[in-house]
Amino acid sequence: MNQSAMDIKISGWGEEWSTLQNNYEQYEKSGLLIKLTCVVLFAVGFAMGFSGFWISALVLLLWAQEAIFRTYQSRLGSRLLRLESLLKQGAVSGGDAFQLHTEWLAGRPGFTGLLVQYGTSACRPTVAFPYLVLVVFAWLT
Protein backbone atom coordinates (compact mmCIF):
# COMPACT_ATOMS: atom_id res chain seq x y z
CA MET A 1 0.00 0.00 0.00
CA ASN A 2 1.43 3.37 -0.91
CA GLN A 3 1.72 6.24 1.56
CA SER A 4 -1.15 8.18 -0.03
CA ALA A 5 -3.58 5.29 0.38
CA MET A 6 -2.44 4.82 3.99
CA ASP A 7 -2.94 8.53 4.70
CA ILE A 8 -6.48 8.39 3.31
CA LYS A 9 -7.35 5.42 5.53
CA ILE A 10 -5.86 7.07 8.60
CA SER A 11 -7.70 10.33 7.86
CA GLY A 12 -10.95 8.33 7.57
CA TRP A 13 -10.27 6.79 10.95
CA GLY A 14 -9.46 10.23 12.33
CA GLU A 15 -12.71 11.57 10.94
CA GLU A 16 -14.63 8.72 12.57
CA TRP A 17 -12.80 9.19 15.88
CA SER A 18 -13.45 12.93 15.86
CA THR A 19 -17.14 12.50 15.09
CA LEU A 20 -17.60 9.82 17.75
CA GLN A 21 -15.66 11.86 20.33
CA ASN A 22 -17.83 14.91 19.69
CA ASN A 23 -20.97 12.79 20.04
CA TYR A 24 -19.59 11.17 23.20
CA GLU A 25 -19.09 14.63 24.72
CA GLN A 26 -22.60 15.65 23.62
CA TYR A 27 -24.03 12.70 25.57
CA GLU A 28 -22.04 13.92 28.58
CA LYS A 29 -23.66 17.35 28.27
CA SER A 30 -27.09 15.80 27.78
CA GLY A 31 -26.66 13.71 30.94
CA LEU A 32 -25.80 16.83 32.91
CA LEU A 33 -28.81 18.65 31.44
CA ILE A 34 -31.11 15.80 32.48
CA LYS A 35 -29.67 15.96 36.01
CA LEU A 36 -30.12 19.73 36.24
CA THR A 37 -33.67 19.48 34.89
CA CYS A 38 -34.43 16.85 37.50
CA VAL A 39 -33.12 18.98 40.36
CA VAL A 40 -35.13 22.01 39.19
CA LEU A 41 -38.33 19.98 38.74
CA PHE A 42 -37.77 18.34 42.11
CA ALA A 43 -37.47 21.75 43.78
CA VAL A 44 -40.56 23.07 41.97
CA GLY A 45 -42.57 19.97 42.88
CA PHE A 46 -41.43 20.14 46.47
CA ALA A 47 -42.25 23.88 46.68
CA MET A 48 -45.70 23.27 45.19
CA GLY A 49 -46.43 20.55 47.73
CA PHE A 50 -46.58 17.55 45.40
CA SER A 51 -46.54 14.21 47.14
CA GLY A 52 -43.36 12.25 47.56
CA PHE A 53 -44.82 9.58 45.27
CA TRP A 54 -45.19 11.92 42.28
CA ILE A 55 -41.87 13.63 42.86
CA SER A 56 -40.17 10.23 43.12
CA ALA A 57 -41.91 9.04 39.97
CA LEU A 58 -40.57 12.04 38.07
CA VAL A 59 -37.07 11.53 39.45
CA LEU A 60 -37.13 7.84 38.53
CA LEU A 61 -38.32 8.67 35.01
CA LEU A 62 -35.46 11.13 34.49
CA TRP A 63 -33.01 8.68 36.06
CA ALA A 64 -34.10 6.03 33.54
CA GLN A 65 -33.75 8.53 30.70
CA GLU A 66 -30.20 9.36 31.70
CA ALA A 67 -29.40 5.65 32.01
CA ILE A 68 -30.55 5.15 28.42
CA PHE A 69 -28.43 8.08 27.25
CA ARG A 70 -25.41 6.74 29.14
CA THR A 71 -25.89 3.31 27.57
CA TYR A 72 -25.79 4.91 24.12
CA GLN A 73 -22.72 6.85 25.21
CA SER A 74 -20.98 3.66 26.36
CA ARG A 75 -21.49 2.17 22.90
CA LEU A 76 -19.69 5.14 21.40
CA GLY A 77 -17.00 4.81 24.05
CA SER A 78 -16.43 1.16 23.18
CA ARG A 79 -16.01 2.03 19.53
CA LEU A 80 -13.65 4.91 20.39
CA LEU A 81 -11.48 2.57 22.44
CA ARG A 82 -11.41 0.07 19.59
CA LEU A 83 -10.39 2.76 17.10
CA GLU A 84 -7.67 4.04 19.39
CA SER A 85 -6.32 0.54 19.88
CA LEU A 86 -6.25 -0.18 16.15
CA LEU A 87 -4.60 3.15 15.40
CA LYS A 88 -1.99 2.59 18.11
CA GLN A 89 -1.19 -0.85 16.67
CA GLY A 90 -1.05 0.59 13.16
CA ALA A 91 -3.64 -1.98 12.12
CA VAL A 92 -5.61 0.32 9.87
CA SER A 93 -7.56 -1.39 7.16
CA GLY A 94 -10.37 0.06 5.13
CA GLY A 95 -12.81 -2.62 6.28
CA ASP A 96 -12.62 -1.65 9.95
CA ALA A 97 -13.40 2.05 9.62
CA PHE A 98 -16.93 3.42 9.92
CA GLN A 99 -18.37 0.24 11.43
CA LEU A 100 -20.06 1.55 14.59
CA HIS A 101 -23.52 0.18 13.85
CA THR A 102 -22.29 -3.01 12.22
CA GLU A 103 -20.22 -3.86 15.29
CA TRP A 104 -23.04 -2.96 17.66
CA LEU A 105 -25.61 -4.96 15.70
CA ALA A 106 -23.32 -8.01 15.65
CA GLY A 107 -23.20 -8.03 19.45
CA ARG A 108 -26.65 -6.55 20.12
CA PRO A 109 -28.32 -8.11 23.13
CA GLY A 110 -31.99 -9.00 23.13
CA PHE A 111 -34.71 -7.10 24.99
CA THR A 112 -33.64 -8.42 28.39
CA GLY A 113 -30.00 -7.69 27.64
CA LEU A 114 -30.84 -4.09 26.76
CA LEU A 115 -32.74 -3.69 30.02
CA VAL A 116 -29.74 -5.07 31.90
CA GLN A 117 -27.48 -2.56 30.13
CA TYR A 118 -29.83 0.29 31.06
CA GLY A 119 -29.97 -0.93 34.66
CA THR A 120 -26.19 -1.22 34.82
CA SER A 121 -25.84 2.33 33.51
CA ALA A 122 -28.39 3.58 36.06
CA CYS A 123 -26.41 2.03 38.93
CA ARG A 124 -23.13 3.72 38.05
CA PRO A 125 -22.36 6.25 40.81
CA THR A 126 -21.89 9.10 38.34
CA VAL A 127 -25.38 8.45 37.00
CA ALA A 128 -27.17 7.53 40.23
CA PHE A 129 -26.18 10.79 41.88
CA PRO A 130 -28.29 12.91 42.54
CA TYR A 131 -31.34 10.78 41.65
CA LEU A 132 -31.01 8.36 44.56
CA VAL A 133 -30.57 11.23 47.00
CA LEU A 134 -33.65 13.00 45.61
CA VAL A 135 -35.82 9.87 45.79
CA VAL A 136 -34.80 9.23 49.40
CA PHE A 137 -35.38 12.88 50.30
CA ALA A 138 -38.81 12.84 48.61
CA TRP A 139 -39.91 9.84 50.68
CA LEU A 140 -38.49 11.20 53.94
CA THR A 141 -40.32 14.52 53.70
C-alpha atoms as a PDB file:
ATOM      1  CA  MET A   1       0.000   0.000   0.000  1.00  0.00           C
ATOM      2  CA  ASN A   2       1.432   3.366  -0.909  1.00  0.00           C
ATOM      3  CA  GLN A   3       1.716   6.241   1.564  1.00  0.00           C
ATOM      4  CA  SER A   4      -1.154   8.185  -0.032  1.00  0.00           C
ATOM      5  CA  ALA A   5      -3.585   5.289   0.382  1.00  0.00           C
ATOM      6  CA  MET A   6      -2.437   4.823   3.993  1.00  0.00           C
ATOM      7  CA  ASP A   7      -2.942   8.535   4.701  1.00  0.00           C
ATOM      8  CA  ILE A   8      -6.484   8.388   3.307  1.00  0.00           C
ATOM      9  CA  LYS A   9      -7.348   5.417   5.529  1.00  0.00           C
ATOM     10  CA  ILE A  10      -5.858   7.066   8.600  1.00  0.00           C
ATOM     11  CA  SER A  11      -7.696  10.326   7.858  1.00  0.00           C
ATOM     12  CA  GLY A  12     -10.947   8.335   7.572  1.00  0.00           C
ATOM     13  CA  TRP A  13     -10.266   6.793  10.955  1.00  0.00           C
ATOM     14  CA  GLY A  14      -9.456  10.230  12.330  1.00  0.00           C
ATOM     15  CA  GLU A  15     -12.714  11.566  10.942  1.00  0.00           C
ATOM     16  CA  GLU A  16     -14.629   8.720  12.568  1.00  0.00           C
ATOM     17  CA  TRP A  17     -12.796   9.189  15.880  1.00  0.00           C
ATOM     18  CA  SER A  18     -13.446  12.933  15.861  1.00  0.00           C
ATOM     19  CA  THR A  19     -17.142  12.503  15.088  1.00  0.00           C
ATOM     20  CA  LEU A  20     -17.597   9.824  17.747  1.00  0.00           C
ATOM     21  CA  GLN A  21     -15.661  11.856  20.331  1.00  0.00           C
ATOM     22  CA  ASN A  22     -17.832  14.911  19.689  1.00  0.00           C
ATOM     23  CA  ASN A  23     -20.968  12.787  20.040  1.00  0.00           C
ATOM     24  CA  TYR A  24     -19.590  11.173  23.199  1.00  0.00           C
ATOM     25  CA  GLU A  25     -19.093  14.631  24.718  1.00  0.00           C
ATOM     26  CA  GLN A  26     -22.600  15.647  23.621  1.00  0.00           C
ATOM     27  CA  TYR A  27     -24.032  12.700  25.567  1.00  0.00           C
ATOM     28  CA  GLU A  28     -22.045  13.919  28.577  1.00  0.00           C
ATOM     29  CA  LYS A  29     -23.656  17.350  28.271  1.00  0.00           C
ATOM     30  CA  SER A  30     -27.089  15.796  27.784  1.00  0.00           C
ATOM     31  CA  GLY A  31     -26.663  13.714  30.935  1.00  0.00           C
ATOM     32  CA  LEU A  32     -25.800  16.833  32.909  1.00  0.00           C
ATOM     33  CA  LEU A  33     -28.807  18.653  31.443  1.00  0.00           C
ATOM     34  CA  ILE A  34     -31.109  15.801  32.483  1.00  0.00           C
ATOM     35  CA  LYS A  35     -29.670  15.959  36.011  1.00  0.00           C
ATOM     36  CA  LEU A  36     -30.121  19.727  36.241  1.00  0.00           C
ATOM     37  CA  THR A  37     -33.669  19.485  34.893  1.00  0.00           C
ATOM     38  CA  CYS A  38     -34.427  16.848  37.503  1.00  0.00           C
ATOM     39  CA  VAL A  39     -33.118  18.979  40.363  1.00  0.00           C
ATOM     40  CA  VAL A  40     -35.128  22.006  39.187  1.00  0.00           C
ATOM     41  CA  LEU A  41     -38.332  19.981  38.739  1.00  0.00           C
ATOM     42  CA  PHE A  42     -37.768  18.336  42.108  1.00  0.00           C
ATOM     43  CA  ALA A  43     -37.470  21.747  43.775  1.00  0.00           C
ATOM     44  CA  VAL A  44     -40.555  23.066  41.973  1.00  0.00           C
ATOM     45  CA  GLY A  45     -42.567  19.967  42.877  1.00  0.00           C
ATOM     46  CA  PHE A  46     -41.432  20.142  46.469  1.00  0.00           C
ATOM     47  CA  ALA A  47     -42.252  23.880  46.682  1.00  0.00           C
ATOM     48  CA  MET A  48     -45.699  23.267  45.188  1.00  0.00           C
ATOM     49  CA  GLY A  49     -46.430  20.554  47.726  1.00  0.00           C
ATOM     50  CA  PHE A  50     -46.576  17.551  45.405  1.00  0.00           C
ATOM     51  CA  SER A  51     -46.545  14.207  47.139  1.00  0.00           C
ATOM     52  CA  GLY A  52     -43.357  12.248  47.560  1.00  0.00           C
ATOM     53  CA  PHE A  53     -44.816   9.580  45.275  1.00  0.00           C
ATOM     54  CA  TRP A  54     -45.187  11.924  42.277  1.00  0.00           C
ATOM     55  CA  ILE A  55     -41.873  13.634  42.857  1.00  0.00           C
ATOM     56  CA  SER A  56     -40.168  10.227  43.123  1.00  0.00           C
ATOM     57  CA  ALA A  57     -41.915   9.036  39.967  1.00  0.00           C
ATOM     58  CA  LEU A  58     -40.572  12.042  38.075  1.00  0.00           C
ATOM     59  CA  VAL A  59     -37.066  11.534  39.453  1.00  0.00           C
ATOM     60  CA  LEU A  60     -37.132   7.836  38.531  1.00  0.00           C
ATOM     61  CA  LEU A  61     -38.316   8.670  35.013  1.00  0.00           C
ATOM     62  CA  LEU A  62     -35.463  11.128  34.489  1.00  0.00           C
ATOM     63  CA  TRP A  63     -33.006   8.675  36.060  1.00  0.00           C
ATOM     64  CA  ALA A  64     -34.096   6.035  33.545  1.00  0.00           C
ATOM     65  CA  GLN A  65     -33.754   8.531  30.703  1.00  0.00           C
ATOM     66  CA  GLU A  66     -30.196   9.361  31.695  1.00  0.00           C
ATOM     67  CA  ALA A  67     -29.396   5.650  32.014  1.00  0.00           C
ATOM     68  CA  ILE A  68     -30.551   5.146  28.420  1.00  0.00           C
ATOM     69  CA  PHE A  69     -28.427   8.081  27.248  1.00  0.00           C
ATOM     70  CA  ARG A  70     -25.411   6.743  29.141  1.00  0.00           C
ATOM     71  CA  THR A  71     -25.886   3.312  27.569  1.00  0.00           C
ATOM     72  CA  TYR A  72     -25.790   4.909  24.115  1.00  0.00           C
ATOM     73  CA  GLN A  73     -22.719   6.849  25.210  1.00  0.00           C
ATOM     74  CA  SER A  74     -20.983   3.663  26.356  1.00  0.00           C
ATOM     75  CA  ARG A  75     -21.485   2.166  22.897  1.00  0.00           C
ATOM     76  CA  LEU A  76     -19.686   5.141  21.397  1.00  0.00           C
ATOM     77  CA  GLY A  77     -17.000   4.810  24.050  1.00  0.00           C
ATOM     78  CA  SER A  78     -16.433   1.161  23.180  1.00  0.00           C
ATOM     79  CA  ARG A  79     -16.006   2.028  19.528  1.00  0.00           C
ATOM     80  CA  LEU A  80     -13.654   4.905  20.387  1.00  0.00           C
ATOM     81  CA  LEU A  81     -11.477   2.569  22.439  1.00  0.00           C
ATOM     82  CA  ARG A  82     -11.409   0.065  19.586  1.00  0.00           C
ATOM     83  CA  LEU A  83     -10.392   2.762  17.096  1.00  0.00           C
ATOM     84  CA  GLU A  84      -7.667   4.041  19.387  1.00  0.00           C
ATOM     85  CA  SER A  85      -6.318   0.544  19.878  1.00  0.00           C
ATOM     86  CA  LEU A  86      -6.252  -0.176  16.148  1.00  0.00           C
ATOM     87  CA  LEU A  87      -4.602   3.150  15.400  1.00  0.00           C
ATOM     88  CA  LYS A  88      -1.989   2.586  18.106  1.00  0.00           C
ATOM     89  CA  GLN A  89      -1.192  -0.848  16.670  1.00  0.00           C
ATOM     90  CA  GLY A  90      -1.052   0.590  13.161  1.00  0.00           C
ATOM     91  CA  ALA A  91      -3.637  -1.981  12.120  1.00  0.00           C
ATOM     92  CA  VAL A  92      -5.605   0.321   9.871  1.00  0.00           C
ATOM     93  CA  SER A  93      -7.558  -1.395   7.156  1.00  0.00           C
ATOM     94  CA  GLY A  94     -10.374   0.063   5.134  1.00  0.00           C
ATOM     95  CA  GLY A  95     -12.806  -2.625   6.278  1.00  0.00           C
ATOM     96  CA  ASP A  96     -12.621  -1.647   9.946  1.00  0.00           C
ATOM     97  CA  ALA A  97     -13.402   2.054   9.622  1.00  0.00           C
ATOM     98  CA  PHE A  98     -16.933   3.420   9.920  1.00  0.00           C
ATOM     99  CA  GLN A  99     -18.371   0.239  11.431  1.00  0.00           C
ATOM    100  CA  LEU A 100     -20.058   1.549  14.586  1.00  0.00           C
ATOM    101  CA  HIS A 101     -23.517   0.182  13.855  1.00  0.00           C
ATOM    102  CA  THR A 102     -22.292  -3.006  12.221  1.00  0.00           C
ATOM    103  CA  GLU A 103     -20.217  -3.856  15.288  1.00  0.00           C
ATOM    104  CA  TRP A 104     -23.037  -2.959  17.658  1.00  0.00           C
ATOM    105  CA  LEU A 105     -25.608  -4.959  15.697  1.00  0.00           C
ATOM    106  CA  ALA A 106     -23.324  -8.007  15.648  1.00  0.00           C
ATOM    107  CA  GLY A 107     -23.204  -8.029  19.450  1.00  0.00           C
ATOM    108  CA  ARG A 108     -26.649  -6.546  20.123  1.00  0.00           C
ATOM    109  CA  PRO A 109     -28.323  -8.108  23.130  1.00  0.00           C
ATOM    110  CA  GLY A 110     -31.993  -8.998  23.130  1.00  0.00           C
ATOM    111  CA  PHE A 111     -34.709  -7.103  24.989  1.00  0.00           C
ATOM    112  CA  THR A 112     -33.644  -8.418  28.392  1.00  0.00           C
ATOM    113  CA  GLY A 113     -29.997  -7.692  27.641  1.00  0.00           C
ATOM    114  CA  LEU A 114     -30.836  -4.091  26.761  1.00  0.00           C
ATOM    115  CA  LEU A 115     -32.744  -3.692  30.018  1.00  0.00           C
ATOM    116  CA  VAL A 116     -29.742  -5.070  31.899  1.00  0.00           C
ATOM    117  CA  GLN A 117     -27.478  -2.557  30.130  1.00  0.00           C
ATOM    118  CA  TYR A 118     -29.831   0.294  31.061  1.00  0.00           C
ATOM    119  CA  GLY A 119     -29.966  -0.931  34.660  1.00  0.00           C
ATOM    120  CA  THR A 120     -26.190  -1.220  34.819  1.00  0.00           C
ATOM    121  CA  SER A 121     -25.844   2.332  33.508  1.00  0.00           C
ATOM    122  CA  ALA A 122     -28.385   3.582  36.061  1.00  0.00           C
ATOM    123  CA  CYS A 123     -26.407   2.033  38.928  1.00  0.00           C
ATOM    124  CA  ARG A 124     -23.126   3.719  38.055  1.00  0.00           C
ATOM    125  CA  PRO A 125     -22.359   6.250  40.813  1.00  0.00           C
ATOM    126  CA  THR A 126     -21.888   9.102  38.343  1.00  0.00           C
ATOM    127  CA  VAL A 127     -25.384   8.449  36.996  1.00  0.00           C
ATOM    128  CA  ALA A 128     -27.171   7.533  40.234  1.00  0.00           C
ATOM    129  CA  PHE A 129     -26.177  10.791  41.885  1.00  0.00           C
ATOM    130  CA  PRO A 130     -28.285  12.908  42.538  1.00  0.00           C
ATOM    131  CA  TYR A 131     -31.341  10.781  41.654  1.00  0.00           C
ATOM    132  CA  LEU A 132     -31.005   8.360  44.559  1.00  0.00           C
ATOM    133  CA  VAL A 133     -30.565  11.235  47.003  1.00  0.00           C
ATOM    134  CA  LEU A 134     -33.651  13.000  45.614  1.00  0.00           C
ATOM    135  CA  VAL A 135     -35.823   9.872  45.792  1.00  0.00           C
ATOM    136  CA  VAL A 136     -34.797   9.234  49.401  1.00  0.00           C
ATOM    137  CA  PHE A 137     -35.377  12.877  50.296  1.00  0.00           C
ATOM    138  CA  ALA A 138     -38.810  12.841  48.614  1.00  0.00           C
ATOM    139  CA  TRP A 139     -39.906   9.845  50.680  1.00  0.00           C
ATOM    140  CA  LEU A 140     -38.494  11.198  53.943  1.00  0.00           C
ATOM    141  CA  THR A 141     -40.318  14.525  53.704  1.00  0.00           C
END
